[in-house]
PDB file of N, CA and C in Angstrom:
ATOM      1  N   UNK A   1     263.825  49.113 -51.675  1.00  0.00           N
ATOM      2  CA  UNK A   1     262.560  48.970 -52.403  1.00  0.00           C
ATOM      3  C   UNK A   1     262.723  48.091 -53.624  1.00  0.00           C
ATOM      4  N   UNK A   2     263.727  48.324 -54.401  1.00  0.00           N
ATOM      5  CA  UNK A   2     263.883  47.586 -55.642  1.00  0.00           C
ATOM      6  C   UNK A   2     264.072  46.097 -55.399  1.00  0.00           C
ATOM      7  N   UNK A   3     264.875  45.739 -54.408  1.00  0.00           N
ATOM      8  CA  UNK A   3     265.086  44.311 -54.158  1.00  0.00           C
ATOM      9  C   UNK A   3     263.796  43.651 -53.712  1.00  0.00           C
ATOM     10  N   UNK A   4     263.021  44.288 -52.878  1.00  0.00           N
ATOM     11  CA  UNK A   4     261.756  43.698 -52.499  1.00  0.00           C
ATOM     12  C   UNK A   4     260.768  43.648 -53.660  1.00  0.00           C
ATOM     13  N   UNK A   5     260.816  44.612 -54.548  1.00  0.00           N
ATOM     14  CA  UNK A   5     259.875  44.612 -55.659  1.00  0.00           C
ATOM     15  C   UNK A   5     260.160  43.398 -56.567  1.00  0.00           C
ATOM     16  N   UNK A   6     261.403  43.016 -56.697  1.00  0.00           N
ATOM     17  CA  UNK A   6     261.739  41.878 -57.511  1.00  0.00           C
ATOM     18  C   UNK A   6     261.151  40.577 -56.942  1.00  0.00           C
ATOM     19  N   UNK A   7     261.126  40.466 -55.623  1.00  0.00           N
ATOM     20  CA  UNK A   7     260.561  39.265 -55.030  1.00  0.00           C
ATOM     21  C   UNK A   7     259.053  39.219 -55.158  1.00  0.00           C
ATOM     22  N   UNK A   8     258.417  40.340 -55.425  1.00  0.00           N
ATOM     23  CA  UNK A   8     256.958  40.364 -55.563  1.00  0.00           C
ATOM     24  C   UNK A   8     256.502  40.470 -57.016  1.00  0.00           C
ATOM     25  N   UNK A   9     257.366  40.161 -57.945  1.00  0.00           N
ATOM     26  CA  UNK A   9     257.030  40.161 -59.369  1.00  0.00           C
ATOM     27  C   UNK A   9     256.664  41.552 -59.893  1.00  0.00           C
ATOM     28  N   UNK A  10     257.317  42.557 -59.365  1.00  0.00           N
ATOM     29  CA  UNK A  10     257.141  43.919 -59.873  1.00  0.00           C
ATOM     30  C   UNK A  10     258.506  44.344 -60.418  1.00  0.00           C
ATOM     31  N   UNK A  11     258.609  44.569 -61.688  1.00  0.00           N
ATOM     32  CA  UNK A  11     259.891  44.836 -62.310  1.00  0.00           C
ATOM     33  C   UNK A  11     260.541  46.066 -61.714  1.00  0.00           C
ATOM     34  N   UNK A  12     261.831  46.006 -61.463  1.00  0.00           N
ATOM     35  CA  UNK A  12     262.563  47.102 -60.832  1.00  0.00           C
ATOM     36  C   UNK A  12     262.515  48.413 -61.608  1.00  0.00           C
ATOM     37  N   UNK A  13     262.519  48.281 -62.962  1.00  0.00           N
ATOM     38  CA  UNK A  13     262.444  49.506 -63.755  1.00  0.00           C
ATOM     39  C   UNK A  13     261.081  50.145 -63.609  1.00  0.00           C
ATOM     40  N   UNK A  14     260.042  49.303 -63.620  1.00  0.00           N
ATOM     41  CA  UNK A  14     258.665  49.837 -63.445  1.00  0.00           C
ATOM     42  C   UNK A  14     258.524  50.479 -62.054  1.00  0.00           C
ATOM     43  N   UNK A  15     259.090  49.888 -61.040  1.00  0.00           N
ATOM     44  CA  UNK A  15     259.050  50.470 -59.680  1.00  0.00           C
ATOM     45  C   UNK A  15     259.772  51.817 -59.689  1.00  0.00           C
ATOM     46  N   UNK A  16     260.888  51.900 -60.366  1.00  0.00           N
ATOM     47  CA  UNK A  16     261.659  53.149 -60.424  1.00  0.00           C
ATOM     48  C   UNK A  16     260.851  54.217 -61.208  1.00  0.00           C
ATOM     49  N   UNK A  17     260.140  53.814 -62.236  1.00  0.00           N
ATOM     50  CA  UNK A  17     259.344  54.753 -63.003  1.00  0.00           C
ATOM     51  C   UNK A  17     258.162  55.296 -62.163  1.00  0.00           C
ATOM     52  N   UNK A  18     257.595  54.455 -61.348  1.00  0.00           N
ATOM     53  CA  UNK A  18     256.529  54.900 -60.439  1.00  0.00           C
ATOM     54  C   UNK A  18     257.122  55.915 -59.462  1.00  0.00           C
ATOM     55  N   UNK A  19     258.279  55.573 -58.913  1.00  0.00           N
ATOM     56  CA  UNK A  19     258.921  56.459 -57.956  1.00  0.00           C
ATOM     57  C   UNK A  19     259.284  57.773 -58.590  1.00  0.00           C
ATOM     58  N   UNK A  20     259.734  57.773 -59.841  1.00  0.00           N
ATOM     59  CA  UNK A  20     260.064  58.973 -60.575  1.00  0.00           C
ATOM     60  C   UNK A  20     258.880  59.707 -61.149  1.00  0.00           C
ATOM     61  N   UNK A  21     257.707  59.159 -60.940  1.00  0.00           N
ATOM     62  CA  UNK A  21     256.434  59.746 -61.334  1.00  0.00           C
ATOM     63  C   UNK A  21     256.284  59.821 -62.856  1.00  0.00           C
ATOM     64  N   UNK A  22     256.880  58.884 -63.593  1.00  0.00           N
ATOM     65  CA  UNK A  22     256.703  58.813 -65.023  1.00  0.00           C
ATOM     66  C   UNK A  22     255.650  57.750 -65.418  1.00  0.00           C
ATOM     67  N   UNK A  23     255.285  56.936 -64.477  1.00  0.00           N
ATOM     68  CA  UNK A  23     254.244  55.920 -64.678  1.00  0.00           C
ATOM     69  C   UNK A  23     253.227  56.004 -63.563  1.00  0.00           C
ATOM     70  N   UNK A  24     251.969  55.690 -63.903  1.00  0.00           N
ATOM     71  CA  UNK A  24     250.897  55.657 -62.926  1.00  0.00           C
ATOM     72  C   UNK A  24     250.642  54.179 -62.643  1.00  0.00           C
ATOM     73  N   UNK A  25     250.786  53.780 -61.368  1.00  0.00           N
ATOM     74  CA  UNK A  25     250.627  52.343 -61.062  1.00  0.00           C
ATOM     75  C   UNK A  25     249.186  51.903 -61.045  1.00  0.00           C
ATOM     76  N   UNK A  26     248.956  50.647 -61.356  1.00  0.00           N
ATOM     77  CA  UNK A  26     247.626  50.072 -61.264  1.00  0.00           C
ATOM     78  C   UNK A  26     247.377  49.753 -59.781  1.00  0.00           C
ATOM     79  N   UNK A  27     246.126  49.411 -59.475  1.00  0.00           N
ATOM     80  CA  UNK A  27     245.827  49.020 -58.101  1.00  0.00           C
ATOM     81  C   UNK A  27     246.631  47.785 -57.682  1.00  0.00           C
ATOM     82  N   UNK A  28     246.799  46.833 -58.574  1.00  0.00           N
ATOM     83  CA  UNK A  28     247.570  45.626 -58.284  1.00  0.00           C
ATOM     84  C   UNK A  28     249.028  45.999 -57.975  1.00  0.00           C
ATOM     85  N   UNK A  29     249.565  46.904 -58.718  1.00  0.00           N
ATOM     86  CA  UNK A  29     250.952  47.354 -58.497  1.00  0.00           C
ATOM     87  C   UNK A  29     251.079  48.062 -57.150  1.00  0.00           C
ATOM     88  N   UNK A  30     250.078  48.887 -56.804  1.00  0.00           N
ATOM     89  CA  UNK A  30     250.094  49.561 -55.494  1.00  0.00           C
ATOM     90  C   UNK A  30     250.071  48.552 -54.382  1.00  0.00           C
ATOM     91  N   UNK A  31     249.264  47.514 -54.539  1.00  0.00           N
ATOM     92  CA  UNK A  31     249.189  46.507 -53.491  1.00  0.00           C
ATOM     93  C   UNK A  31     250.497  45.779 -53.325  1.00  0.00           C
ATOM     94  N   UNK A  32     251.185  45.489 -54.468  1.00  0.00           N
ATOM     95  CA  UNK A  32     252.510  44.870 -54.389  1.00  0.00           C
ATOM     96  C   UNK A  32     253.505  45.778 -53.740  1.00  0.00           C
ATOM     97  N   UNK A  33     253.467  47.093 -54.057  1.00  0.00           N
ATOM     98  CA  UNK A  33     254.391  48.035 -53.434  1.00  0.00           C
ATOM     99  C   UNK A  33     254.172  48.164 -51.926  1.00  0.00           C
ATOM    100  N   UNK A  34     252.904  48.232 -51.543  1.00  0.00           N
ATOM    101  CA  UNK A  34     252.627  48.364 -50.092  1.00  0.00           C
ATOM    102  C   UNK A  34     253.051  47.113 -49.362  1.00  0.00           C
ATOM    103  N   UNK A  35     252.899  45.948 -49.987  1.00  0.00           N
ATOM    104  CA  UNK A  35     253.327  44.722 -49.352  1.00  0.00           C
ATOM    105  C   UNK A  35     254.835  44.696 -49.249  1.00  0.00           C
ATOM    106  N   UNK A  36     255.541  45.113 -50.273  1.00  0.00           N
ATOM    107  CA  UNK A  36     257.007  45.121 -50.265  1.00  0.00           C
ATOM    108  C   UNK A  36     257.542  46.127 -49.237  1.00  0.00           C
ATOM    109  N   UNK A  37     256.890  47.277 -49.138  1.00  0.00           N
ATOM    110  CA  UNK A  37     257.311  48.324 -48.232  1.00  0.00           C
ATOM    111  C   UNK A  37     256.791  48.161 -46.832  1.00  0.00           C
ATOM    112  N   UNK A  38     255.862  47.245 -46.679  1.00  0.00           N
ATOM    113  CA  UNK A  38     255.207  47.017 -45.382  1.00  0.00           C
ATOM    114  C   UNK A  38     254.528  48.263 -44.819  1.00  0.00           C
ATOM    115  N   UNK A  39     253.755  48.918 -45.685  1.00  0.00           N
ATOM    116  CA  UNK A  39     252.988  50.098 -45.337  1.00  0.00           C
ATOM    117  C   UNK A  39     251.591  49.980 -45.884  1.00  0.00           C
ATOM    118  N   UNK A  40     250.703  50.847 -45.400  1.00  0.00           N
ATOM    119  CA  UNK A  40     249.336  50.876 -45.941  1.00  0.00           C
ATOM    120  C   UNK A  40     249.277  51.795 -47.133  1.00  0.00           C
ATOM    121  N   UNK A  41     248.325  51.573 -48.053  1.00  0.00           N
ATOM    122  CA  UNK A  41     248.208  52.371 -49.271  1.00  0.00           C
ATOM    123  C   UNK A  41     248.180  53.845 -48.968  1.00  0.00           C
ATOM    124  N   UNK A  42     247.513  54.263 -47.956  1.00  0.00           N
ATOM    125  CA  UNK A  42     247.408  55.679 -47.589  1.00  0.00           C
ATOM    126  C   UNK A  42     248.712  56.334 -47.230  1.00  0.00           C
ATOM    127  N   UNK A  43     249.745  55.553 -46.895  1.00  0.00           N
ATOM    128  CA  UNK A  43     251.031  56.124 -46.541  1.00  0.00           C
ATOM    129  C   UNK A  43     251.975  56.310 -47.730  1.00  0.00           C
ATOM    130  N   UNK A  44     251.630  55.786 -48.896  1.00  0.00           N
ATOM    131  CA  UNK A  44     252.496  55.889 -50.076  1.00  0.00           C
ATOM    132  C   UNK A  44     252.741  57.336 -50.524  1.00  0.00           C
ATOM    133  N   UNK A  45     251.726  58.195 -50.553  1.00  0.00           N
ATOM    134  CA  UNK A  45     251.992  59.551 -51.053  1.00  0.00           C
ATOM    135  C   UNK A  45     252.935  60.405 -50.164  1.00  0.00           C
ATOM    136  N   UNK A  46     253.191  59.972 -48.948  1.00  0.00           N
ATOM    137  CA  UNK A  46     253.998  60.770 -48.013  1.00  0.00           C
ATOM    138  C   UNK A  46     255.418  60.845 -48.428  1.00  0.00           C
TER     139      UNK A  46
END
């Protein structure tokens, strides 16, 4: 996840904070995450 997030201009620390639930991502960040993970937004909470 972290390597893909770097290629999509989402800082690795920010991605880790989202994963650790210390930050709430914006819609734009969610879209970048879903693109990097190749999943739909609805699959992220799983």
